[in-house]
Amino acid sequence: HFGLLVVVGLVMVLSASSTASYQMGGSSYAVFDRMLVYVAIGLVLFWIAVRTPLSVVRQASFPLLLVSMGLLVLVLTPLGVGRYGAHRWLTMGPVVFEPVEVAKLALTLWGAHVLVVKRRLLHRWRHLLVPVVPAALIIFALVMLQPDLGTTTTLGIILLALLCCGSSAHD
């Protein structure tokens, strides 16, 4: 299923961008070629992620959360790139990316790790909410300063899913 989605997505990119690619770069395949590179990088990262032991992922979740928060702060400095009235991007050499994408992954991994560690205490609301909700609120605030309400909503859904799964998982 995954491969089919990638192929269909690439076909859609080629179909939707061929004219604009030709006008910008003289080749109908400029955007498509760039997407192929992204797919290749994504497949390598996917292969690495699937083979990473869960214990390593859990240990790396808190440092990843801290790094993502740091990147979200950097977006608010002059290092952040403004486009379309928002400062959401960071440029590192030829790579432009949105640090909030790292934050989504970090919040999901770290939140799940914390809830698993506190599994036996989750019948008490305080243990369910702390420290996941305060960390999420810090991320929400940093994203809203960009401003990006849509991504904040996505992060809210991630938080609600974590809390819902955590509240139903206690013994």
C-alpha atoms as a PDB file:
ATOM      1  CA  HIS A   1       0.000   0.000   0.000  1.00  0.00           C
ATOM      2  CA  PHE A   2       2.819   2.360   0.899  1.00  0.00           C
ATOM      3  CA  GLY A   3       4.547   1.955  -2.447  1.00  0.00           C
ATOM      4  CA  LEU A   4       1.312   2.544  -4.322  1.00  0.00           C
ATOM      5  CA  LEU A   5       0.698   5.781  -2.388  1.00  0.00           C
ATOM      6  CA  VAL A   6       4.212   6.999  -3.199  1.00  0.00           C
ATOM      7  CA  VAL A   7       3.822   6.220  -6.895  1.00  0.00           C
ATOM      8  CA  VAL A   8       0.387   7.869  -7.097  1.00  0.00           C
ATOM      9  CA  GLY A   9       1.748  10.907  -5.232  1.00  0.00           C
ATOM     10  CA  LEU A  10       4.684  11.206  -7.622  1.00  0.00           C
ATOM     11  CA  VAL A  11       2.378  10.937 -10.630  1.00  0.00           C
ATOM     12  CA  MET A  12       0.194  13.691  -9.168  1.00  0.00           C
ATOM     13  CA  VAL A  13       3.253  15.902  -8.574  1.00  0.00           C
ATOM     14  CA  LEU A  14       4.386  15.356 -12.150  1.00  0.00           C
ATOM     15  CA  SER A  15       0.921  16.061 -13.501  1.00  0.00           C
ATOM     16  CA  ALA A  16       0.378  19.186 -11.413  1.00  0.00           C
ATOM     17  CA  SER A  17       3.837  20.705 -11.764  1.00  0.00           C
ATOM     18  CA  SER A  18       5.072  19.929 -15.276  1.00  0.00           C
ATOM     19  CA  THR A  19       4.004  23.253 -16.795  1.00  0.00           C
ATOM     20  CA  ALA A  20       5.315  25.360 -13.916  1.00  0.00           C
ATOM     21  CA  SER A  21       8.555  23.344 -13.876  1.00  0.00           C
ATOM     22  CA  TYR A  22       9.051  23.968 -17.583  1.00  0.00           C
ATOM     23  CA  GLN A  23       8.447  27.704 -17.212  1.00  0.00           C
ATOM     24  CA  MET A  24      10.823  27.990 -14.232  1.00  0.00           C
ATOM     25  CA  GLY A  25      13.660  25.725 -15.254  1.00  0.00           C
ATOM     26  CA  GLY A  26      13.233  24.656 -18.841  1.00  0.00           C
ATOM     27  CA  SER A  27      12.443  21.058 -17.858  1.00  0.00           C
ATOM     28  CA  SER A  28       9.019  19.587 -17.231  1.00  0.00           C
ATOM     29  CA  TYR A  29      10.587  17.267 -14.664  1.00  0.00           C
ATOM     30  CA  ALA A  30      12.340  19.767 -12.330  1.00  0.00           C
ATOM     31  CA  VAL A  31       9.862  19.493  -9.434  1.00  0.00           C
ATOM     32  CA  PHE A  32       9.329  15.775 -10.075  1.00  0.00           C
ATOM     33  CA  ASP A  33      13.099  15.129  -9.929  1.00  0.00           C
ATOM     34  CA  ARG A  34      13.302  16.985  -6.616  1.00  0.00           C
ATOM     35  CA  MET A  35      10.418  14.902  -5.243  1.00  0.00           C
ATOM     36  CA  LEU A  36      12.217  11.717  -6.322  1.00  0.00           C
ATOM     37  CA  VAL A  37      15.212  12.806  -4.262  1.00  0.00           C
ATOM     38  CA  TYR A  38      12.916  13.428  -1.262  1.00  0.00           C
ATOM     39  CA  VAL A  39      11.327  10.002  -1.704  1.00  0.00           C
ATOM     40  CA  ALA A  40      14.762   8.366  -1.804  1.00  0.00           C
ATOM     41  CA  ILE A  41      15.843  10.194   1.359  1.00  0.00           C
ATOM     42  CA  GLY A  42      12.548   9.291   3.013  1.00  0.00           C
ATOM     43  CA  LEU A  43      12.939   5.620   2.139  1.00  0.00           C
ATOM     44  CA  VAL A  44      16.436   5.531   3.626  1.00  0.00           C
ATOM     45  CA  LEU A  45      15.190   7.235   6.808  1.00  0.00           C
ATOM     46  CA  PHE A  46      12.225   4.853   6.934  1.00  0.00           C
ATOM     47  CA  TRP A  47      14.549   1.847   6.603  1.00  0.00           C
ATOM     48  CA  ILE A  48      16.720   3.169   9.451  1.00  0.00           C
ATOM     49  CA  ALA A  49      13.697   3.934  11.662  1.00  0.00           C
ATOM     50  CA  VAL A  50      12.194   0.478  11.209  1.00  0.00           C
ATOM     51  CA  ARG A  51      15.464  -1.156  12.240  1.00  0.00           C
ATOM     52  CA  THR A  52      16.075   1.071  15.261  1.00  0.00           C
ATOM     53  CA  PRO A  53      15.417  -0.778  18.528  1.00  0.00           C
ATOM     54  CA  LEU A  54      12.505   0.599  20.557  1.00  0.00           C
ATOM     55  CA  SER A  55      14.771   1.140  23.567  1.00  0.00           C
ATOM     56  CA  VAL A  56      16.928   3.506  21.498  1.00  0.00           C
ATOM     57  CA  VAL A  57      13.862   5.388  20.269  1.00  0.00           C
ATOM     58  CA  ARG A  58      12.593   5.764  23.833  1.00  0.00           C
ATOM     59  CA  GLN A  59      15.973   6.988  25.098  1.00  0.00           C
ATOM     60  CA  ALA A  60      16.262   9.478  22.247  1.00  0.00           C
ATOM     61  CA  SER A  61      12.726  10.844  22.654  1.00  0.00           C
ATOM     62  CA  PHE A  62      13.509  13.421  25.367  1.00  0.00           C
ATOM     63  CA  PRO A  63      16.649  14.815  23.674  1.00  0.00           C
ATOM     64  CA  LEU A  64      14.648  14.987  20.433  1.00  0.00           C
ATOM     65  CA  LEU A  65      11.926  16.927  22.258  1.00  0.00           C
ATOM     66  CA  LEU A  66      14.507  19.406  23.591  1.00  0.00           C
ATOM     67  CA  VAL A  67      16.105  19.793  20.158  1.00  0.00           C
ATOM     68  CA  SER A  68      12.705  20.393  18.563  1.00  0.00           C
ATOM     69  CA  MET A  69      11.897  23.067  21.140  1.00  0.00           C
ATOM     70  CA  GLY A  70      15.262  24.691  20.469  1.00  0.00           C
ATOM     71  CA  LEU A  71      14.588  24.676  16.736  1.00  0.00           C
ATOM     72  CA  LEU A  72      11.164  26.235  17.325  1.00  0.00           C
ATOM     73  CA  VAL A  73      12.859  29.014  19.295  1.00  0.00           C
ATOM     74  CA  LEU A  74      15.403  29.506  16.472  1.00  0.00           C
ATOM     75  CA  VAL A  75      12.550  30.033  14.034  1.00  0.00           C
ATOM     76  CA  LEU A  76      11.550  33.101  16.059  1.00  0.00           C
ATOM     77  CA  THR A  77      15.034  34.621  15.762  1.00  0.00           C
ATOM     78  CA  PRO A  78      16.528  36.263  12.661  1.00  0.00           C
ATOM     79  CA  LEU A  79      17.602  32.744  11.600  1.00  0.00           C
ATOM     80  CA  GLY A  80      13.944  31.976  10.891  1.00  0.00           C
ATOM     81  CA  VAL A  81      12.714  32.455   7.352  1.00  0.00           C
ATOM     82  CA  GLY A  82       9.491  34.363   6.828  1.00  0.00           C
ATOM     83  CA  ARG A  83       7.112  33.427   4.036  1.00  0.00           C
ATOM     84  CA  TYR A  84       3.464  34.228   3.496  1.00  0.00           C
ATOM     85  CA  GLY A  85       3.291  36.319   6.692  1.00  0.00           C
ATOM     86  CA  ALA A  86       4.677  33.645   9.022  1.00  0.00           C
ATOM     87  CA  HIS A  87       8.081  32.616  10.335  1.00  0.00           C
ATOM     88  CA  ARG A  88       7.915  28.826  10.177  1.00  0.00           C
ATOM     89  CA  TRP A  89      11.054  27.779   8.358  1.00  0.00           C
ATOM     90  CA  LEU A  90      14.764  27.367   9.038  1.00  0.00           C
ATOM     91  CA  THR A  91      17.402  27.335   6.344  1.00  0.00           C
ATOM     92  CA  MET A  92      20.442  25.120   6.806  1.00  0.00           C
ATOM     93  CA  GLY A  93      22.524  25.338   3.655  1.00  0.00           C
ATOM     94  CA  PRO A  94      20.424  24.178   0.726  1.00  0.00           C
ATOM     95  CA  VAL A  95      17.801  22.643   3.017  1.00  0.00           C
ATOM     96  CA  VAL A  96      14.740  24.608   4.108  1.00  0.00           C
ATOM     97  CA  PHE A  97      12.512  22.847   6.634  1.00  0.00           C
ATOM     98  CA  GLU A  98       9.805  23.427   9.227  1.00  0.00           C
ATOM     99  CA  PRO A  99      11.046  22.537  12.723  1.00  0.00           C
ATOM    100  CA  VAL A 100       7.474  21.939  13.830  1.00  0.00           C
ATOM    101  CA  GLU A 101       7.563  18.686  11.855  1.00  0.00           C
ATOM    102  CA  VAL A 102      10.344  17.505  14.178  1.00  0.00           C
ATOM    103  CA  ALA A 103       8.261  18.714  17.140  1.00  0.00           C
ATOM    104  CA  LYS A 104       5.263  16.630  16.056  1.00  0.00           C
ATOM    105  CA  LEU A 105       7.368  13.483  15.993  1.00  0.00           C
ATOM    106  CA  ALA A 106       9.179  14.365  19.223  1.00  0.00           C
ATOM    107  CA  LEU A 107       5.978  15.086  21.148  1.00  0.00           C
ATOM    108  CA  THR A 108       4.450  11.816  19.946  1.00  0.00           C
ATOM    109  CA  LEU A 109       7.477   9.676  20.839  1.00  0.00           C
ATOM    110  CA  TRP A 110       8.253  11.351  24.160  1.00  0.00           C
ATOM    111  CA  GLY A 111       4.611  11.534  25.230  1.00  0.00           C
ATOM    112  CA  ALA A 112       4.123   7.837  24.505  1.00  0.00           C
ATOM    113  CA  HIS A 113       7.332   7.007  26.382  1.00  0.00           C
ATOM    114  CA  VAL A 114       6.245   8.996  29.461  1.00  0.00           C
ATOM    115  CA  LEU A 115       2.799   7.407  29.478  1.00  0.00           C
ATOM    116  CA  VAL A 116       4.286   3.922  29.229  1.00  0.00           C
ATOM    117  CA  VAL A 117       6.667   4.635  32.109  1.00  0.00           C
ATOM    118  CA  LYS A 118       3.802   6.001  34.231  1.00  0.00           C
ATOM    119  CA  ARG A 119       1.354   3.287  33.124  1.00  0.00           C
ATOM    120  CA  ARG A 120       0.450   2.109  36.630  1.00  0.00           C
ATOM    121  CA  LEU A 121      -0.213   5.660  37.860  1.00  0.00           C
ATOM    122  CA  LEU A 122      -2.377   6.879  35.011  1.00  0.00           C
ATOM    123  CA  HIS A 123      -5.628   6.330  36.881  1.00  0.00           C
ATOM    124  CA  ARG A 124      -4.729   9.566  38.715  1.00  0.00           C
ATOM    125  CA  TRP A 125      -5.316  12.606  36.516  1.00  0.00           C
ATOM    126  CA  ARG A 126      -2.221  14.407  37.752  1.00  0.00           C
ATOM    127  CA  HIS A 127       0.020  11.601  36.532  1.00  0.00           C
ATOM    128  CA  LEU A 128      -1.800  11.460  33.220  1.00  0.00           C
ATOM    129  CA  LEU A 129      -1.402  15.188  32.602  1.00  0.00           C
ATOM    130  CA  VAL A 130       2.062  15.946  34.037  1.00  0.00           C
ATOM    131  CA  PRO A 131       4.600  16.319  32.390  1.00  0.00           C
ATOM    132  CA  VAL A 132       3.057  15.708  28.958  1.00  0.00           C
ATOM    133  CA  VAL A 133       0.567  18.592  28.958  1.00  0.00           C
ATOM    134  CA  PRO A 134       3.017  21.292  30.154  1.00  0.00           C
ATOM    135  CA  ALA A 135       5.576  20.244  27.527  1.00  0.00           C
ATOM    136  CA  ALA A 136       2.871  20.269  24.856  1.00  0.00           C
ATOM    137  CA  LEU A 137       1.725  23.732  25.958  1.00  0.00           C
ATOM    138  CA  ILE A 138       5.276  25.063  25.549  1.00  0.00           C
ATOM    139  CA  ILE A 139       5.372  23.663  22.020  1.00  0.00           C
ATOM    140  CA  PHE A 140       1.900  25.089  21.303  1.00  0.00           C
ATOM    141  CA  ALA A 141       3.044  28.542  22.457  1.00  0.00           C
ATOM    142  CA  LEU A 142       6.191  28.430  20.309  1.00  0.00           C
ATOM    143  CA  VAL A 143       4.169  27.393  17.247  1.00  0.00           C
ATOM    144  CA  MET A 144       1.499  30.052  17.839  1.00  0.00           C
ATOM    145  CA  LEU A 145       4.230  32.719  17.975  1.00  0.00           C
ATOM    146  CA  GLN A 146       5.083  31.872  14.353  1.00  0.00           C
ATOM    147  CA  PRO A 147       1.864  32.019  13.946  1.00  0.00           C
ATOM    148  CA  ASP A 148       0.537  28.661  12.775  1.00  0.00           C
ATOM    149  CA  LEU A 149      -2.933  27.767  14.039  1.00  0.00           C
ATOM    150  CA  GLY A 150      -3.318  24.778  11.725  1.00  0.00           C
ATOM    151  CA  THR A 151      -0.221  23.038  13.038  1.00  0.00           C
ATOM    152  CA  THR A 152      -1.146  23.933  16.612  1.00  0.00           C
ATOM    153  CA  THR A 153      -4.450  22.152  15.995  1.00  0.00           C
ATOM    154  CA  THR A 154      -2.566  19.116  14.697  1.00  0.00           C
ATOM    155  CA  LEU A 155      -0.361  19.145  17.799  1.00  0.00           C
ATOM    156  CA  GLY A 156      -3.517  19.391  19.923  1.00  0.00           C
ATOM    157  CA  ILE A 157      -4.905  16.302  18.234  1.00  0.00           C
ATOM    158  CA  ILE A 158      -1.633  14.476  18.934  1.00  0.00           C
ATOM    159  CA  LEU A 159      -1.876  15.499  22.604  1.00  0.00           C
ATOM    160  CA  LEU A 160      -5.519  14.412  22.849  1.00  0.00           C
ATOM    161  CA  ALA A 161      -4.683  11.052  21.255  1.00  0.00           C
ATOM    162  CA  LEU A 162      -1.852  10.529  23.742  1.00  0.00           C
ATOM    163  CA  LEU A 163      -4.085  11.396  26.688  1.00  0.00           C
ATOM    164  CA  CYS A 164      -6.953   9.266  25.395  1.00  0.00           C
ATOM    165  CA  CYS A 165      -4.706   6.243  24.892  1.00  0.00           C
ATOM    166  CA  GLY A 166      -2.986   6.868  28.219  1.00  0.00           C
ATOM    167  CA  SER A 167      -6.237   7.172  30.170  1.00  0.00           C
ATOM    168  CA  SER A 168      -7.569   3.918  28.746  1.00  0.00           C
ATOM    169  CA  ALA A 169      -4.315   1.983  29.184  1.00  0.00           C
ATOM    170  CA  HIS A 170      -3.957   1.972  32.970  1.00  0.00           C
ATOM    171  CA  ASP A 171      -4.256  -1.319  34.824  1.00  0.00           C
END
